[in-house]
Protein backbone atom coordinates (compact mmCIF):
# COMPACT_ATOMS: atom_id res chain seq x y z
CA MET A 1 89.26 106.91 115.35
CA GLY A 2 86.06 105.91 113.57
CA GLU A 3 85.66 104.98 109.93
CA LYS A 4 84.95 108.59 108.89
CA ASP A 5 88.06 109.80 110.71
CA TYR A 6 90.20 107.20 108.94
CA LEU A 7 88.67 108.07 105.58
CA THR A 8 89.43 111.74 106.18
CA ALA A 9 93.00 110.86 107.12
CA PHE A 10 93.20 108.58 104.08
CA GLN A 11 92.45 111.50 101.76
CA LYS A 12 95.74 113.00 102.90
CA HIS A 13 97.41 109.62 102.41
CA LEU A 14 95.94 109.37 98.94
CA LEU A 15 97.25 112.79 97.97
CA GLU A 16 100.73 111.77 99.12
CA LEU A 17 100.49 108.40 97.39
CA SER A 18 99.34 110.10 94.19
CA ARG A 19 102.38 112.37 94.35
CA ILE A 20 104.70 109.39 94.93
CA LEU A 21 103.20 107.41 92.06
CA GLY A 22 102.81 110.37 89.74
CA LEU A 23 99.22 109.55 88.81
CA ARG A 24 95.63 110.57 89.51
CA PRO A 25 93.62 107.64 90.95
CA LYS A 26 90.28 106.80 89.37
CA ASN A 27 89.13 104.25 91.96
CA GLU A 28 90.26 105.49 95.37
CA ILE A 29 88.96 102.41 97.18
CA LEU A 30 91.59 100.25 95.46
CA TYR A 31 94.37 102.34 96.99
CA LEU A 32 92.70 102.39 100.40
CA GLN A 33 92.57 98.60 100.28
CA ALA A 34 96.19 98.41 99.08
CA LEU A 35 97.37 100.36 102.14
CA THR A 36 95.30 98.32 104.65
CA HIS A 37 97.29 95.63 106.44
CA ARG A 38 95.29 92.69 107.78
CA SER A 39 96.16 93.63 111.40
CA PHE A 40 94.09 96.82 110.98
CA LEU A 41 90.94 94.70 110.62
CA GLY A 42 91.53 93.22 114.07
CA ASP A 43 91.01 96.67 115.60
CA HIS A 44 88.28 97.57 113.08
CA PRO A 45 86.17 94.44 112.37
CA ASP A 46 83.48 96.52 110.63
CA TRP A 47 85.95 98.08 108.17
CA PRO A 48 84.12 97.55 104.85
CA TYR A 49 87.10 97.82 102.49
CA GLY A 50 89.04 94.68 103.36
CA ASP A 51 92.81 94.24 103.58
CA ASN A 52 95.52 94.14 100.95
CA GLU A 53 96.29 90.39 100.85
CA ARG A 54 94.42 89.66 97.62
CA LEU A 55 95.91 92.71 95.96
CA GLU A 56 99.32 91.54 97.15
CA PHE A 57 98.72 88.24 95.34
CA LEU A 58 97.92 90.04 92.09
CA GLY A 59 100.73 92.55 92.56
CA ASP A 60 103.28 89.78 92.93
CA ALA A 61 102.19 88.37 89.56
CA VAL A 62 102.17 91.63 87.62
CA LEU A 63 105.48 92.71 89.16
CA SER A 64 107.02 89.42 88.03
CA ALA A 65 105.67 89.98 84.50
CA VAL A 66 107.09 93.50 84.25
CA ILE A 67 110.49 92.57 85.71
CA SER A 68 110.67 89.58 83.35
CA HIS A 69 110.00 91.93 80.41
CA LEU A 70 112.68 94.38 81.56
CA LEU A 71 115.24 91.61 82.06
CA PHE A 72 114.40 90.14 78.66
CA GLU A 73 114.94 93.50 76.98
CA ARG A 74 118.24 94.11 78.72
CA TYR A 75 119.84 90.69 79.18
CA ALA A 76 118.17 88.05 76.95
CA ARG A 77 121.08 87.93 74.48
CA GLU A 78 123.61 87.52 77.24
CA PHE A 79 122.00 85.11 79.73
CA ARG A 80 120.04 81.86 79.65
CA GLU A 81 116.52 81.29 81.01
CA GLY A 82 117.68 79.88 84.35
CA GLU A 83 120.03 82.79 84.87
CA LEU A 84 117.29 85.31 84.07
CA THR A 85 115.06 83.55 86.59
CA LYS A 86 117.71 83.93 89.31
CA MET A 87 118.16 87.60 88.40
CA ARG A 88 114.41 88.18 88.68
CA ALA A 89 114.32 86.48 92.09
CA TRP A 90 117.19 88.70 93.24
CA LEU A 91 115.37 91.85 92.10
CA VAL A 92 111.96 91.10 93.64
CA ASN A 93 113.01 89.54 96.93
CA GLU A 94 111.41 90.84 100.12
CA GLU A 95 114.37 92.90 101.27
CA ARG A 96 114.69 94.84 98.01
CA LEU A 97 110.94 95.46 97.77
CA ALA A 98 110.92 96.71 101.37
CA LYS A 99 113.76 99.13 100.64
CA ILE A 100 111.86 100.56 97.66
CA ALA A 101 108.75 100.90 99.84
CA GLU A 102 110.80 102.75 102.48
CA ARG A 103 112.42 104.98 99.88
CA ILE A 104 109.11 106.13 98.42
CA GLY A 105 107.45 106.64 101.82
CA LEU A 106 104.93 103.77 102.07
CA ALA A 107 105.89 103.13 105.70
CA GLU A 108 104.11 106.32 106.74
CA LEU A 109 100.98 105.48 104.76
CA VAL A 110 100.15 101.86 105.62
CA LEU A 111 97.16 101.31 107.96
CA LEU A 112 98.11 99.04 110.88
CA SER A 113 96.57 97.95 114.16
CA GLU A 114 97.60 99.92 117.23
CA GLY A 115 99.58 96.91 118.48
CA GLU A 116 101.39 96.46 115.19
CA ARG A 117 102.20 100.16 115.06
CA ARG A 118 103.57 100.14 118.61
CA CYS A 119 105.84 97.28 117.54
CA GLU A 120 106.95 99.42 114.58
CA GLY A 121 105.35 97.06 112.10
CA TYR A 122 105.78 99.73 109.45
CA ARG A 123 109.49 98.81 109.50
CA LYS A 124 108.93 95.08 108.90
CA HIS A 125 110.15 93.95 105.51
CA SER A 126 107.22 91.57 105.06
CA ILE A 127 104.65 94.33 105.62
CA LEU A 128 106.46 96.88 103.45
CA ALA A 129 107.05 94.44 100.58
CA GLY A 130 103.46 93.22 100.69
CA THR A 131 102.12 96.78 100.70
CA LEU A 132 104.25 97.71 97.70
CA GLU A 133 102.97 94.68 95.76
CA ALA A 134 99.39 95.60 96.68
CA VAL A 135 99.95 99.15 95.45
CA PHE A 136 101.28 97.78 92.15
CA ALA A 137 98.07 95.72 91.82
CA ALA A 138 95.95 98.79 92.54
CA VAL A 139 97.77 100.75 89.83
CA TYR A 140 97.34 97.84 87.40
CA LEU A 141 93.57 97.63 88.01
CA ASP A 142 93.07 101.40 88.12
CA GLN A 143 95.44 102.64 85.42
CA GLY A 144 96.29 99.62 83.25
CA TYR A 145 99.39 97.59 82.47
CA GLU A 146 101.24 100.25 80.46
CA ARG A 147 101.09 102.79 83.28
CA LEU A 148 102.22 100.16 85.77
CA PHE A 149 105.08 99.14 83.48
CA VAL A 150 106.43 102.70 83.43
CA LEU A 151 106.09 102.98 87.21
CA ILE A 152 107.91 99.72 88.00
CA LYS A 153 110.64 100.54 85.49
CA LYS A 154 111.16 103.86 87.28
CA PHE A 155 111.28 102.30 90.77
CA PHE A 156 113.69 99.54 89.71
CA SER A 157 115.93 101.69 87.52
CA ARG A 158 118.69 101.73 90.16
CA LEU A 159 118.61 97.96 90.59
CA LEU A 160 118.33 96.66 87.02
CA PRO A 161 122.00 97.29 86.12
CA HIS A 162 122.99 95.16 89.13
CA ALA A 163 120.64 92.24 88.39
CA PRO A 164 123.51 89.87 87.41
CA ARG A 165 124.50 89.89 91.08
CA GLY A 166 121.60 87.49 91.50
CA LEU A 167 123.74 84.83 89.84
CA LEU A 168 126.30 85.15 92.61
CA SER A 169 124.05 85.52 95.63
CA ASP A 170 122.49 82.05 95.85
CA HIS A 171 125.17 80.54 98.06
CA LYS A 172 122.81 77.81 99.32
CA THR A 173 122.42 76.36 95.83
CA VAL A 174 126.16 76.48 95.15
CA LEU A 175 126.94 74.85 98.52
CA GLN A 176 124.42 72.07 97.87
CA GLU A 177 125.95 71.39 94.44
CA TYR A 178 129.39 71.29 96.07
CA THR A 179 128.48 68.89 98.90
CA GLN A 180 126.48 66.64 96.58
CA ALA A 181 129.40 66.41 94.15
CA LEU A 182 132.06 65.75 96.78
CA PHE A 183 130.25 63.99 99.63
CA LYS A 184 126.88 62.86 98.24
CA GLN A 185 125.22 64.77 101.09
CA THR A 186 122.85 67.74 101.37
CA PRO A 187 123.56 70.50 103.91
CA VAL A 188 121.02 71.11 106.69
CA TYR A 189 120.29 74.52 108.26
CA GLU A 190 119.23 75.02 111.89
CA ILE A 191 118.20 78.24 113.63
CA ILE A 192 120.14 78.37 116.89
CA LYS A 193 118.91 81.71 118.26
CA GLU A 194 117.02 84.93 117.56
CA THR A 195 117.99 88.30 119.03
CA GLY A 196 116.57 91.82 118.99
CA PRO A 197 113.04 93.28 119.09
CA GLU A 198 110.21 91.77 117.06
CA HIS A 199 110.42 94.39 114.29
CA ALA A 200 114.22 94.12 113.93
CA LYS A 201 115.26 90.58 114.72
CA THR A 202 118.61 89.00 113.94
CA PHE A 203 118.60 85.28 113.19
CA TRP A 204 121.57 82.98 113.85
CA VAL A 205 121.86 79.82 111.77
CA VAL A 206 124.26 76.90 111.69
CA VAL A 207 124.76 74.79 108.56
CA LYS A 208 125.68 71.13 109.02
CA LEU A 209 126.74 68.25 106.82
CA GLY A 210 125.69 65.11 108.61
CA LYS A 211 126.79 65.60 112.22
CA ASP A 212 129.56 68.04 111.28
CA LYS A 213 129.07 71.77 111.69
CA LEU A 214 130.35 73.62 108.63
CA ALA A 215 129.73 77.27 109.52
CA GLN A 216 127.50 79.74 111.34
CA GLY A 217 125.75 82.74 109.81
CA ARG A 218 123.42 85.55 110.79
CA GLY A 219 120.99 87.89 109.07
CA ARG A 220 117.90 90.07 109.42
CA SER A 221 115.79 87.20 108.07
CA LYS A 222 116.07 83.41 108.21
CA LYS A 223 116.86 83.28 104.51
CA ALA A 224 119.58 85.90 104.83
CA ALA A 225 121.13 84.03 107.78
CA GLU A 226 121.11 80.77 105.80
CA GLN A 227 122.77 82.47 102.83
CA ASP A 228 125.44 83.94 105.11
CA ALA A 229 126.13 80.52 106.66
CA ALA A 230 126.26 78.88 103.22
CA GLN A 231 128.69 81.48 101.91
CA LYS A 232 131.04 80.95 104.87
CA ALA A 233 130.78 77.16 104.59
CA LEU A 234 131.54 77.29 100.89
CA LYS A 235 134.65 79.38 101.50
CA ILE A 236 135.91 76.92 104.12
CA LEU A 237 135.33 73.90 101.87
CA GLU A 238 136.94 75.56 98.85
CA GLU A 239 140.03 76.44 100.88
CA LYS A 240 140.29 72.81 101.98
CA TYR A 241 139.26 70.93 98.83
CA GLY A 242 139.47 73.47 96.02
CA LYS A 243 136.83 74.89 93.67
CA LEU A 244 134.01 72.66 92.47
CA GLU A 245 135.11 72.79 88.84
CA GLY A 246 138.58 71.59 89.84
CA GLN A 247 137.07 68.64 91.67
CA ARG A 248 134.97 67.76 88.64
CA ARG A 249 138.03 67.84 86.39
CA LYS A 250 139.85 65.47 88.76
CA LYS A 251 136.95 63.02 88.65
CA ALA A 252 136.76 63.24 84.86
CA LYS A 253 140.39 62.09 84.65
């Protein structure tokens, strides 16, 4: 397909994207750029519209601002700054952004290289999350902050009530606090194997304390595998030595 063919196809994409977003684009080029993954430029070096990486950078920032506002409105009286920060990180992590992108149909709209499409790159969390952030940036530049605010609030309405889960999900931090308090050591994570096709890999991680293996975990990303390993290690240590607060009380005596 030549540039004209892709632009013709993009008009259909734009109509679908407009329906998904519930708005009428003013600057169509912004949305074309938002849906263009960098791999597409490898097959089309003369593509004049660029890829979505810079928009992704801006989208990450404006998404963070909107989510911070929504969390402040809903939880500021109940939680401290550090807790709100963890809740925001839980809401905007790659996996959750990718699921929103899948739910609203961005996977079918993103422009990828033929190789990336054959590898089902439209299923990769990194590509989906980045595309969603780029689309948010396009809406911000094209429609303004207020319109973007309403859109993000709509897309995250299912997740916001569950944001406090973010305070429970950082098992790596809790494990590090535990091992530092009891053993004056920091846990180390090692990837021991990767399985599955490129677009749907499973990572296997072992967490160690010194030379001792604490636990093994797995996940669809390295971070998820590390969290799984940390959660299992923490459970083992707590069964053996008790909860961290109990240990601290013992030391205080």
